[in-house]
Amino acid sequence: MIPQNFKDILSNTDNAGFYQTLALIFFMLFFVALVIYVFSRPKKYYREEEEAPLQDDEDELNSKN
């Protein structure tokens, strides 16, 4: 029997619950690390990033004049 998808592979093993728990823990660690990373950045970084699309237009307008 050839498994049709990933769910079939994991459901037929003895440690299926362990793999699901491990995947959930990895996802939660990644999500928490991402939230910590985003909130640890200084607000100045985000101000510069939010103005980035407008800066290109201003530079083009100034070079045309």
PDB file of N, CA and C in Angstrom:
ATOM      1  N   MET A   1       0.842  -1.189   0.000  1.00  0.00           N
ATOM      2  CA  MET A   1       0.000   0.000   0.000  1.00  0.00           C
ATOM      3  C   MET A   1       0.884   1.248   0.000  1.00  0.00           C
ATOM      4  N   ILE A   2       0.646   2.128  -0.927  1.00  0.00           N
ATOM      5  CA  ILE A   2       1.393   3.375  -1.015  1.00  0.00           C
ATOM      6  C   ILE A   2       0.568   4.464  -0.337  1.00  0.00           C
ATOM      7  N   PRO A   3       1.149   5.157   0.658  1.00  0.00           N
ATOM      8  CA  PRO A   3       0.371   6.211   1.334  1.00  0.00           C
ATOM      9  C   PRO A   3       0.058   7.361   0.374  1.00  0.00           C
ATOM     10  N   GLN A   4      -1.134   7.862   0.477  1.00  0.00           N
ATOM     11  CA  GLN A   4      -1.575   8.917  -0.425  1.00  0.00           C
ATOM     12  C   GLN A   4      -1.137  10.314   0.024  1.00  0.00           C
ATOM     13  N   ASN A   5      -1.006  10.496   1.318  1.00  0.00           N
ATOM     14  CA  ASN A   5      -0.599  11.813   1.791  1.00  0.00           C
ATOM     15  C   ASN A   5       0.109  11.689   3.135  1.00  0.00           C
ATOM     16  N   PHE A   6       0.532  12.791   3.665  1.00  0.00           N
ATOM     17  CA  PHE A   6       1.300  12.829   4.914  1.00  0.00           C
ATOM     18  C   PHE A   6       0.479  12.323   6.099  1.00  0.00           C
ATOM     19  N   LYS A   7      -0.827  12.597   6.065  1.00  0.00           N
ATOM     20  CA  LYS A   7      -1.710  12.146   7.149  1.00  0.00           C
ATOM     21  C   LYS A   7      -1.728  10.624   7.235  1.00  0.00           C
ATOM     22  N   ASP A   8      -1.737   9.942   6.100  1.00  0.00           N
ATOM     23  CA  ASP A   8      -1.720   8.482   6.100  1.00  0.00           C
ATOM     24  C   ASP A   8      -0.423   7.943   6.689  1.00  0.00           C
ATOM     25  N   ILE A   9       0.688   8.609   6.417  1.00  0.00           N
ATOM     26  CA  ILE A   9       1.980   8.152   6.926  1.00  0.00           C
ATOM     27  C   ILE A   9       2.004   8.247   8.447  1.00  0.00           C
ATOM     28  N   LEU A  10       1.578   9.376   8.993  1.00  0.00           N
ATOM     29  CA  LEU A  10       1.637   9.570  10.435  1.00  0.00           C
ATOM     30  C   LEU A  10       0.575   8.789  11.198  1.00  0.00           C
ATOM     31  N   SER A  11      -0.563   8.554  10.584  1.00  0.00           N
ATOM     32  CA  SER A  11      -1.623   7.861  11.321  1.00  0.00           C
ATOM     33  C   SER A  11      -1.335   6.369  11.475  1.00  0.00           C
ATOM     34  N   ASN A  12      -0.447   5.829  10.687  1.00  0.00           N
ATOM     35  CA  ASN A  12      -0.144   4.404  10.760  1.00  0.00           C
ATOM     36  C   ASN A  12       1.096   4.096  11.585  1.00  0.00           C
ATOM     37  N   THR A  13       1.662   5.056  12.277  1.00  0.00           N
ATOM     38  CA  THR A  13       2.849   4.800  13.095  1.00  0.00           C
ATOM     39  C   THR A  13       2.463   4.711  14.562  1.00  0.00           C
ATOM     40  N   ASP A  14       3.364   4.141  15.334  1.00  0.00           N
ATOM     41  CA  ASP A  14       3.109   3.985  16.768  1.00  0.00           C
ATOM     42  C   ASP A  14       3.234   5.309  17.513  1.00  0.00           C
ATOM     43  N   ASN A  15       4.062   6.200  17.017  1.00  0.00           N
ATOM     44  CA  ASN A  15       4.333   7.460  17.717  1.00  0.00           C
ATOM     45  C   ASN A  15       3.609   8.655  17.091  1.00  0.00           C
ATOM     46  N   ALA A  16       2.449   8.452  16.517  1.00  0.00           N
ATOM     47  CA  ALA A  16       1.740   9.530  15.840  1.00  0.00           C
ATOM     48  C   ALA A  16       1.421  10.676  16.803  1.00  0.00           C
ATOM     49  N   GLY A  17       0.986  10.363  18.002  1.00  0.00           N
ATOM     50  CA  GLY A  17       0.669  11.407  18.976  1.00  0.00           C
ATOM     51  C   GLY A  17       1.899  12.199  19.376  1.00  0.00           C
ATOM     52  N   PHE A  18       3.031  11.532  19.496  1.00  0.00           N
ATOM     53  CA  PHE A  18       4.283  12.201  19.834  1.00  0.00           C
ATOM     54  C   PHE A  18       4.687  13.182  18.744  1.00  0.00           C
ATOM     55  N   TYR A  19       4.579  12.769  17.471  1.00  0.00           N
ATOM     56  CA  TYR A  19       4.950  13.658  16.362  1.00  0.00           C
ATOM     57  C   TYR A  19       4.033  14.877  16.303  1.00  0.00           C
ATOM     58  N   GLN A  20       2.762  14.680  16.561  1.00  0.00           N
ATOM     59  CA  GLN A  20       1.828  15.803  16.558  1.00  0.00           C
ATOM     60  C   GLN A  20       2.131  16.769  17.686  1.00  0.00           C
ATOM     61  N   THR A  21       2.446  16.243  18.853  1.00  0.00           N
ATOM     62  CA  THR A  21       2.796  17.095  19.987  1.00  0.00           C
ATOM     63  C   THR A  21       4.092  17.848  19.714  1.00  0.00           C
ATOM     64  N   LEU A  22       5.062  17.172  19.153  1.00  0.00           N
ATOM     65  CA  LEU A  22       6.336  17.799  18.818  1.00  0.00           C
ATOM     66  C   LEU A  22       6.144  18.914  17.785  1.00  0.00           C
ATOM     67  N   ALA A  23       5.325  18.675  16.781  1.00  0.00           N
ATOM     68  CA  ALA A  23       5.051  19.692  15.770  1.00  0.00           C
ATOM     69  C   ALA A  23       4.364  20.909  16.394  1.00  0.00           C
ATOM     70  N   LEU A  24       3.434  20.675  17.311  1.00  0.00           N
ATOM     71  CA  LEU A  24       2.750  21.777  17.982  1.00  0.00           C
ATOM     72  C   LEU A  24       3.720  22.593  18.828  1.00  0.00           C
ATOM     73  N   ILE A  25       4.619  21.913  19.531  1.00  0.00           N
ATOM     74  CA  ILE A  25       5.604  22.621  20.358  1.00  0.00           C
ATOM     75  C   ILE A  25       6.531  23.458  19.482  1.00  0.00           C
ATOM     76  N   PHE A  26       7.001  22.901  18.360  1.00  0.00           N
ATOM     77  CA  PHE A  26       7.864  23.671  17.452  1.00  0.00           C
ATOM     78  C   PHE A  26       7.140  24.892  16.909  1.00  0.00           C
ATOM     79  N   PHE A  27       5.880  24.725  16.528  1.00  0.00           N
ATOM     80  CA  PHE A  27       5.107  25.851  16.010  1.00  0.00           C
ATOM     81  C   PHE A  27       4.944  26.930  17.072  1.00  0.00           C
ATOM     82  N   MET A  28       4.617  26.536  18.279  1.00  0.00           N
ATOM     83  CA  MET A  28       4.420  27.515  19.350  1.00  0.00           C
ATOM     84  C   MET A  28       5.726  28.247  19.667  1.00  0.00           C
ATOM     85  N   LEU A  29       6.851  27.523  19.716  1.00  0.00           N
ATOM     86  CA  LEU A  29       8.140  28.167  19.962  1.00  0.00           C
ATOM     87  C   LEU A  29       8.482  29.164  18.860  1.00  0.00           C
ATOM     88  N   PHE A  30       8.238  28.785  17.615  1.00  0.00           N
ATOM     89  CA  PHE A  30       8.495  29.685  16.494  1.00  0.00           C
ATOM     90  C   PHE A  30       7.608  30.927  16.591  1.00  0.00           C
ATOM     91  N   PHE A  31       6.332  30.740  16.881  1.00  0.00           N
ATOM     92  CA  PHE A  31       5.401  31.856  16.968  1.00  0.00           C
ATOM     93  C   PHE A  31       5.781  32.804  18.108  1.00  0.00           C
ATOM     94  N   VAL A  32       6.118  32.277  19.269  1.00  0.00           N
ATOM     95  CA  VAL A  32       6.507  33.110  20.409  1.00  0.00           C
ATOM     96  C   VAL A  32       7.810  33.849  20.095  1.00  0.00           C
ATOM     97  N   ALA A  33       8.766  33.172  19.476  1.00  0.00           N
ATOM     98  CA  ALA A  33      10.029  33.820  19.104  1.00  0.00           C
ATOM     99  C   ALA A  33       9.791  34.938  18.095  1.00  0.00           C
ATOM    100  N   LEU A  34       8.892  34.731  17.154  1.00  0.00           N
ATOM    101  CA  LEU A  34       8.579  35.758  16.168  1.00  0.00           C
ATOM    102  C   LEU A  34       7.928  36.971  16.825  1.00  0.00           C
ATOM    103  N   VAL A  35       7.015  36.751  17.746  1.00  0.00           N
ATOM    104  CA  VAL A  35       6.362  37.862  18.456  1.00  0.00           C
ATOM    105  C   VAL A  35       7.387  38.635  19.286  1.00  0.00           C
ATOM    106  N   ILE A  36       8.276  37.924  19.968  1.00  0.00           N
ATOM    107  CA  ILE A  36       9.317  38.591  20.755  1.00  0.00           C
ATOM    108  C   ILE A  36      10.233  39.400  19.847  1.00  0.00           C
ATOM    109  N   TYR A  37      10.589  38.845  18.693  1.00  0.00           N
ATOM    110  CA  TYR A  37      11.458  39.560  17.744  1.00  0.00           C
ATOM    111  C   TYR A  37      10.793  40.847  17.250  1.00  0.00           C
ATOM    112  N   VAL A  38       9.519  40.755  16.888  1.00  0.00           N
ATOM    113  CA  VAL A  38       8.817  41.929  16.360  1.00  0.00           C
ATOM    114  C   VAL A  38       8.707  43.019  17.419  1.00  0.00           C
ATOM    115  N   PHE A  39       8.365  42.654  18.648  1.00  0.00           N
ATOM    116  CA  PHE A  39       8.198  43.667  19.682  1.00  0.00           C
ATOM    117  C   PHE A  39       9.523  44.181  20.237  1.00  0.00           C
ATOM    118  N   SER A  40      10.611  43.479  19.988  1.00  0.00           N
ATOM    119  CA  SER A  40      11.905  43.953  20.481  1.00  0.00           C
ATOM    120  C   SER A  40      12.560  44.958  19.534  1.00  0.00           C
ATOM    121  N   ARG A  41      12.060  45.056  18.309  1.00  0.00           N
ATOM    122  CA  ARG A  41      12.620  46.021  17.361  1.00  0.00           C
ATOM    123  C   ARG A  41      12.248  47.432  17.809  1.00  0.00           C
ATOM    124  N   PRO A  42      13.152  48.392  17.634  1.00  0.00           N
ATOM    125  CA  PRO A  42      12.817  49.769  18.019  1.00  0.00           C
ATOM    126  C   PRO A  42      11.747  50.359  17.100  1.00  0.00           C
ATOM    127  N   LYS A  43      10.980  51.272  17.632  1.00  0.00           N
ATOM    128  CA  LYS A  43       9.907  51.882  16.845  1.00  0.00           C
ATOM    129  C   LYS A  43      10.456  52.659  15.657  1.00  0.00           C
ATOM    130  N   LYS A  44      11.675  53.149  15.786  1.00  0.00           N
ATOM    131  CA  LYS A  44      12.303  53.880  14.683  1.00  0.00           C
ATOM    132  C   LYS A  44      12.415  52.995  13.443  1.00  0.00           C
ATOM    133  N   TYR A  45      12.708  51.729  13.632  1.00  0.00           N
ATOM    134  CA  TYR A  45      12.822  50.797  12.510  1.00  0.00           C
ATOM    135  C   TYR A  45      11.504  50.741  11.739  1.00  0.00           C
ATOM    136  N   TYR A  46      10.399  50.664  12.448  1.00  0.00           N
ATOM    137  CA  TYR A  46       9.106  50.568  11.775  1.00  0.00           C
ATOM    138  C   TYR A  46       8.700  51.889  11.135  1.00  0.00           C
ATOM    139  N   ARG A  47       9.096  53.012  11.730  1.00  0.00           N
ATOM    140  CA  ARG A  47       8.805  54.311  11.097  1.00  0.00           C
ATOM    141  C   ARG A  47       9.538  54.431   9.772  1.00  0.00           C
ATOM    142  N   GLU A  48      10.787  53.987   9.740  1.00  0.00           N
ATOM    143  CA  GLU A  48      11.545  54.021   8.491  1.00  0.00           C
ATOM    144  C   GLU A  48      10.926  53.096   7.453  1.00  0.00           C
ATOM    145  N   GLU A  49      10.476  51.945   7.881  1.00  0.00           N
ATOM    146  CA  GLU A  49       9.885  50.984   6.952  1.00  0.00           C
ATOM    147  C   GLU A  49       8.535  51.452   6.419  1.00  0.00           C
ATOM    148  N   GLU A  50       7.740  52.114   7.245  1.00  0.00           N
ATOM    149  CA  GLU A  50       6.430  52.552   6.766  1.00  0.00           C
ATOM    150  C   GLU A  50       6.553  53.714   5.797  1.00  0.00           C
ATOM    151  N   GLU A  51       7.645  54.458   5.850  1.00  0.00           N
ATOM    152  CA  GLU A  51       7.859  55.564   4.916  1.00  0.00           C
ATOM    153  C   GLU A  51       8.620  55.144   3.666  1.00  0.00           C
ATOM    154  N   ALA A  52       9.091  53.925   3.605  1.00  0.00           N
ATOM    155  CA  ALA A  52       9.911  53.454   2.492  1.00  0.00           C
ATOM    156  C   ALA A  52       9.204  53.579   1.132  1.00  0.00           C
ATOM    157  N   PRO A  53       7.939  53.204   0.998  1.00  0.00           N
ATOM    158  CA  PRO A  53       7.309  53.343  -0.321  1.00  0.00           C
ATOM    159  C   PRO A  53       7.209  54.795  -0.777  1.00  0.00           C
ATOM    160  N   LEU A  54       7.094  55.716   0.140  1.00  0.00           N
ATOM    161  CA  LEU A  54       6.971  57.125  -0.223  1.00  0.00           C
ATOM    162  C   LEU A  54       8.316  57.751  -0.561  1.00  0.00           C
ATOM    163  N   GLN A  55       9.378  57.253  -0.008  1.00  0.00           N
ATOM    164  CA  GLN A  55      10.690  57.834  -0.244  1.00  0.00           C
ATOM    165  C   GLN A  55      11.121  57.672  -1.693  1.00  0.00           C
ATOM    166  N   ASP A  56      10.806  56.569  -2.332  1.00  0.00           N
ATOM    167  CA  ASP A  56      11.178  56.376  -3.728  1.00  0.00           C
ATOM    168  C   ASP A  56      10.489  57.398  -4.617  1.00  0.00           C
ATOM    169  N   ASP A  57       9.216  57.683  -4.351  1.00  0.00           N
ATOM    170  CA  ASP A  57       8.489  58.663  -5.149  1.00  0.00           C
ATOM    171  C   ASP A  57       9.069  60.059  -4.963  1.00  0.00           C
ATOM    172  N   GLU A  58       9.423  60.415  -3.754  1.00  0.00           N
ATOM    173  CA  GLU A  58       9.985  61.735  -3.503  1.00  0.00           C
ATOM    174  C   GLU A  58      11.333  61.883  -4.203  1.00  0.00           C
ATOM    175  N   ASP A  59      12.142  60.844  -4.215  1.00  0.00           N
ATOM    176  CA  ASP A  59      13.438  60.908  -4.885  1.00  0.00           C
ATOM    177  C   ASP A  59      13.270  61.074  -6.380  1.00  0.00           C
ATOM    178  N   GLU A  60      12.297  60.411  -6.995  1.00  0.00           N
ATOM    179  CA  GLU A  60      12.058  60.543  -8.430  1.00  0.00           C
ATOM    180  C   GLU A  60      11.562  61.942  -8.768  1.00  0.00           C
ATOM    181  N   LEU A  61      10.687  62.482  -7.927  1.00  0.00           N
ATOM    182  CA  LEU A  61      10.166  63.821  -8.198  1.00  0.00           C
ATOM    183  C   LEU A  61      11.271  64.868  -8.078  1.00  0.00           C
ATOM    184  N   ASN A  62      12.144  64.730  -7.099  1.00  0.00           N
ATOM    185  CA  ASN A  62      13.228  65.684  -6.927  1.00  0.00           C
ATOM    186  C   ASN A  62      14.258  65.600  -8.052  1.00  0.00           C
ATOM    187  N   SER A  63      14.489  64.433  -8.606  1.00  0.00           N
ATOM    188  CA  SER A  63      15.481  64.289  -9.678  1.00  0.00           C
ATOM    189  C   SER A  63      14.939  64.812 -10.997  1.00  0.00           C
ATOM    190  N   LYS A  64      13.614  64.845 -11.191  1.00  0.00           N
ATOM    191  CA  LYS A  64      13.032  65.338 -12.435  1.00  0.00           C
ATOM    192  C   LYS A  64      13.049  66.863 -12.505  1.00  0.00           C
ATOM    193  N   ASN A  65      13.029  67.512 -11.359  1.00  0.00           N
ATOM    194  CA  ASN A  65      12.969  68.980 -11.346  1.00  0.00           C
ATOM    195  C   ASN A  65      14.293  69.605 -11.601  1.00  0.00           C
TER     196      ASN A  65
END
